[in-house]
Amino acid sequence: MQLSAKKILKIFEIIGNVEGSKEIADLLQTTHSAVEAWKRRDKIPDKYLSLFAQKYNIPTDFFAKNEEDIFCLHEKKVMELREEQDPIYHSFQRALIVSRMKSKEDEFENLLDKFYKENKNN
């Protein structure tokens, strides 16, 4: 089952960092009365769904998903944010970067040695 207009408008508020019909209208370059009409009809024109999706780099079929799919996407995003804020995660990321740098350093030393050996004979 597709999301209701009320739930989609709530998503607009959260993602667009706006509050209420007036701010949603400003965000989508339409009128407050148009947004209120969408609520009454429980239908948001595809034009505005596409505009919002494009503005926030959301797949155009996102609003056709059911609540369970969106909840799963939301949970995944929450977990990603938790990982980004977790000090252990950051420590791991730093260790990974250092190990990659060490690998590049070793690779550079090997190339340098090879270069000297090749040019020493010339």
C-alpha atoms as a PDB file:
ATOM      1  CA  MET A   1       0.000   0.000   0.000  1.00  0.00           C
ATOM      2  CA  GLN A   2       1.315   3.423  -0.980  1.00  0.00           C
ATOM      3  CA  LEU A   3       1.945   6.096   1.622  1.00  0.00           C
ATOM      4  CA  SER A   4      -0.762   8.614   2.408  1.00  0.00           C
ATOM      5  CA  ALA A   5      -0.290  12.259   1.455  1.00  0.00           C
ATOM      6  CA  LYS A   6      -0.057  13.131   5.152  1.00  0.00           C
ATOM      7  CA  LYS A   7       2.865  10.730   5.642  1.00  0.00           C
ATOM      8  CA  ILE A   8       4.604  11.922   2.492  1.00  0.00           C
ATOM      9  CA  LEU A   9       4.251  15.508   3.691  1.00  0.00           C
ATOM     10  CA  LYS A  10       5.815  14.464   6.990  1.00  0.00           C
ATOM     11  CA  ILE A  11       8.746  13.010   5.038  1.00  0.00           C
ATOM     12  CA  PHE A  12       8.988  16.348   3.186  1.00  0.00           C
ATOM     13  CA  GLU A  13       9.197  18.120   6.553  1.00  0.00           C
ATOM     14  CA  ILE A  14      11.900  15.822   7.898  1.00  0.00           C
ATOM     15  CA  ILE A  15      14.092  15.640   4.814  1.00  0.00           C
ATOM     16  CA  GLY A  16      13.503  19.241   3.761  1.00  0.00           C
ATOM     17  CA  ASN A  17      14.029  20.492   7.312  1.00  0.00           C
ATOM     18  CA  VAL A  18      10.791  22.488   7.177  1.00  0.00           C
ATOM     19  CA  GLU A  19       7.681  22.607   9.320  1.00  0.00           C
ATOM     20  CA  GLY A  20       4.061  22.889   8.268  1.00  0.00           C
ATOM     21  CA  SER A  21       2.167  23.403   5.054  1.00  0.00           C
ATOM     22  CA  LYS A  22       3.419  26.956   4.474  1.00  0.00           C
ATOM     23  CA  GLU A  23       7.089  25.947   4.573  1.00  0.00           C
ATOM     24  CA  ILE A  24       6.419  22.856   2.450  1.00  0.00           C
ATOM     25  CA  ALA A  25       4.679  25.116  -0.079  1.00  0.00           C
ATOM     26  CA  ASP A  26       7.676  27.467  -0.136  1.00  0.00           C
ATOM     27  CA  LEU A  27      10.027  24.510  -0.526  1.00  0.00           C
ATOM     28  CA  LEU A  28       8.069  23.181  -3.507  1.00  0.00           C
ATOM     29  CA  GLN A  29       7.336  26.621  -4.975  1.00  0.00           C
ATOM     30  CA  THR A  30       3.587  26.293  -4.675  1.00  0.00           C
ATOM     31  CA  THR A  31       0.873  27.728  -2.442  1.00  0.00           C
ATOM     32  CA  HIS A  32      -0.177  26.883   1.085  1.00  0.00           C
ATOM     33  CA  SER A  33      -3.712  26.213  -0.169  1.00  0.00           C
ATOM     34  CA  ALA A  34      -2.381  23.702  -2.724  1.00  0.00           C
ATOM     35  CA  VAL A  35      -0.630  21.746   0.038  1.00  0.00           C
ATOM     36  CA  GLU A  36      -3.815  21.815   2.129  1.00  0.00           C
ATOM     37  CA  ALA A  37      -5.773  20.511  -0.891  1.00  0.00           C
ATOM     38  CA  TRP A  38      -3.311  17.617  -1.215  1.00  0.00           C
ATOM     39  CA  LYS A  39      -4.036  16.686   2.388  1.00  0.00           C
ATOM     40  CA  ARG A  40      -7.809  16.778   1.819  1.00  0.00           C
ATOM     41  CA  ARG A  41      -7.591  14.693  -1.373  1.00  0.00           C
ATOM     42  CA  ASP A  42      -4.877  12.445   0.107  1.00  0.00           C
ATOM     43  CA  LYS A  43      -2.952  12.821  -3.145  1.00  0.00           C
ATOM     44  CA  ILE A  44       0.178  14.774  -4.021  1.00  0.00           C
ATOM     45  CA  PRO A  45       0.668  15.498  -7.734  1.00  0.00           C
ATOM     46  CA  ASP A  46       3.509  13.517  -9.310  1.00  0.00           C
ATOM     47  CA  LYS A  47       5.085  16.796 -10.429  1.00  0.00           C
ATOM     48  CA  TYR A  48       5.800  17.736  -6.802  1.00  0.00           C
ATOM     49  CA  LEU A  49       6.916  14.258  -5.800  1.00  0.00           C
ATOM     50  CA  SER A  50       9.412  14.338  -8.680  1.00  0.00           C
ATOM     51  CA  LEU A  51      10.536  17.859  -7.818  1.00  0.00           C
ATOM     52  CA  PHE A  52      11.181  16.906  -4.204  1.00  0.00           C
ATOM     53  CA  ALA A  53      12.895  13.644  -5.156  1.00  0.00           C
ATOM     54  CA  GLN A  54      15.167  15.454  -7.602  1.00  0.00           C
ATOM     55  CA  LYS A  55      15.964  18.251  -5.136  1.00  0.00           C
ATOM     56  CA  TYR A  56      17.030  15.798  -2.414  1.00  0.00           C
ATOM     57  CA  ASN A  57      18.482  13.094  -4.656  1.00  0.00           C
ATOM     58  CA  ILE A  58      15.841  10.533  -3.711  1.00  0.00           C
ATOM     59  CA  PRO A  59      14.851   7.749  -6.130  1.00  0.00           C
ATOM     60  CA  THR A  60      11.624   8.737  -7.869  1.00  0.00           C
ATOM     61  CA  ASP A  61       9.913   5.500  -6.822  1.00  0.00           C
ATOM     62  CA  PHE A  62      10.634   6.193  -3.135  1.00  0.00           C
ATOM     63  CA  PHE A  63       7.124   7.530  -2.437  1.00  0.00           C
ATOM     64  CA  ALA A  64       5.527   4.495  -4.078  1.00  0.00           C
ATOM     65  CA  LYS A  65       7.079   2.245  -1.444  1.00  0.00           C
ATOM     66  CA  ASN A  66       5.067   1.014   1.475  1.00  0.00           C
ATOM     67  CA  GLU A  67       5.710   2.045   5.072  1.00  0.00           C
ATOM     68  CA  GLU A  68       7.620  -1.111   5.913  1.00  0.00           C
ATOM     69  CA  ASP A  69      10.136  -0.513   3.104  1.00  0.00           C
ATOM     70  CA  ILE A  70      10.629   3.091   4.170  1.00  0.00           C
ATOM     71  CA  PHE A  71      11.017   2.066   7.803  1.00  0.00           C
ATOM     72  CA  CYS A  72      13.757  -0.381   6.781  1.00  0.00           C
ATOM     73  CA  LEU A  73      15.532   2.345   4.794  1.00  0.00           C
ATOM     74  CA  HIS A  74      15.225   4.686   7.774  1.00  0.00           C
ATOM     75  CA  GLU A  75      16.650   2.086  10.174  1.00  0.00           C
ATOM     76  CA  LYS A  76      19.567   1.487   7.817  1.00  0.00           C
ATOM     77  CA  LYS A  77      20.298   5.230   7.715  1.00  0.00           C
ATOM     78  CA  VAL A  78      20.076   5.472  11.525  1.00  0.00           C
ATOM     79  CA  MET A  79      22.569   2.618  11.839  1.00  0.00           C
ATOM     80  CA  GLU A  80      24.926   4.348   9.395  1.00  0.00           C
ATOM     81  CA  LEU A  81      24.733   7.549  11.420  1.00  0.00           C
ATOM     82  CA  ARG A  82      25.388   5.644  14.643  1.00  0.00           C
ATOM     83  CA  GLU A  83      28.442   4.050  13.087  1.00  0.00           C
ATOM     84  CA  GLU A  84      29.708   7.445  11.969  1.00  0.00           C
ATOM     85  CA  GLN A  85      29.382   8.801  15.526  1.00  0.00           C
ATOM     86  CA  ASP A  86      30.832   5.730  17.240  1.00  0.00           C
ATOM     87  CA  PRO A  87      34.412   6.265  18.528  1.00  0.00           C
ATOM     88  CA  ILE A  88      35.273   2.614  17.860  1.00  0.00           C
ATOM     89  CA  TYR A  89      34.098   3.048  14.279  1.00  0.00           C
ATOM     90  CA  HIS A  90      36.307   6.149  13.935  1.00  0.00           C
ATOM     91  CA  SER A  91      39.293   4.322  15.411  1.00  0.00           C
ATOM     92  CA  PHE A  92      38.780   1.508  12.944  1.00  0.00           C
ATOM     93  CA  GLN A  93      38.508   3.996  10.069  1.00  0.00           C
ATOM     94  CA  ARG A  94      41.767   5.694  11.128  1.00  0.00           C
ATOM     95  CA  ALA A  95      43.535   2.332  11.427  1.00  0.00           C
ATOM     96  CA  LEU A  96      42.314   1.389   7.981  1.00  0.00           C
ATOM     97  CA  ILE A  97      43.605   4.652   6.506  1.00  0.00           C
ATOM     98  CA  VAL A  98      46.990   4.204   8.199  1.00  0.00           C
ATOM     99  CA  SER A  99      47.292   0.638   6.927  1.00  0.00           C
ATOM    100  CA  ARG A 100      46.465   1.809   3.400  1.00  0.00           C
ATOM    101  CA  MET A 101      49.050   4.567   3.696  1.00  0.00           C
ATOM    102  CA  LYS A 102      51.638   2.049   4.923  1.00  0.00           C
ATOM    103  CA  SER A 103      50.815  -0.175   1.973  1.00  0.00           C
ATOM    104  CA  LYS A 104      51.274   2.759  -0.422  1.00  0.00           C
ATOM    105  CA  GLU A 105      54.512   3.688   1.334  1.00  0.00           C
ATOM    106  CA  ASP A 106      55.845   0.133   0.906  1.00  0.00           C
ATOM    107  CA  GLU A 107      54.776   0.158  -2.731  1.00  0.00           C
ATOM    108  CA  PHE A 108      56.576   3.471  -3.274  1.00  0.00           C
ATOM    109  CA  GLU A 109      59.759   2.169  -1.610  1.00  0.00           C
ATOM    110  CA  ASN A 110      59.708  -0.907  -3.851  1.00  0.00           C
ATOM    111  CA  LEU A 111      59.316   1.249  -6.950  1.00  0.00           C
ATOM    112  CA  LEU A 112      62.111   3.521  -5.781  1.00  0.00           C
ATOM    113  CA  ASP A 113      64.424   0.541  -5.148  1.00  0.00           C
ATOM    114  CA  LYS A 114      63.604  -0.836  -8.567  1.00  0.00           C
ATOM    115  CA  PHE A 115      64.319   2.540 -10.168  1.00  0.00           C
ATOM    116  CA  TYR A 116      67.717   2.832  -8.432  1.00  0.00           C
ATOM    117  CA  LYS A 117      68.687  -0.708  -9.379  1.00  0.00           C
ATOM    118  CA  GLU A 118      67.755  -0.141 -13.020  1.00  0.00           C
ATOM    119  CA  ASN A 119      69.544   3.213 -13.223  1.00  0.00           C
ATOM    120  CA  LYS A 120      72.605   2.090 -11.256  1.00  0.00           C
ATOM    121  CA  ASN A 121      73.641  -0.153 -14.137  1.00  0.00           C
ATOM    122  CA  ASN A 122      73.378   2.689 -16.681  1.00  0.00           C
END
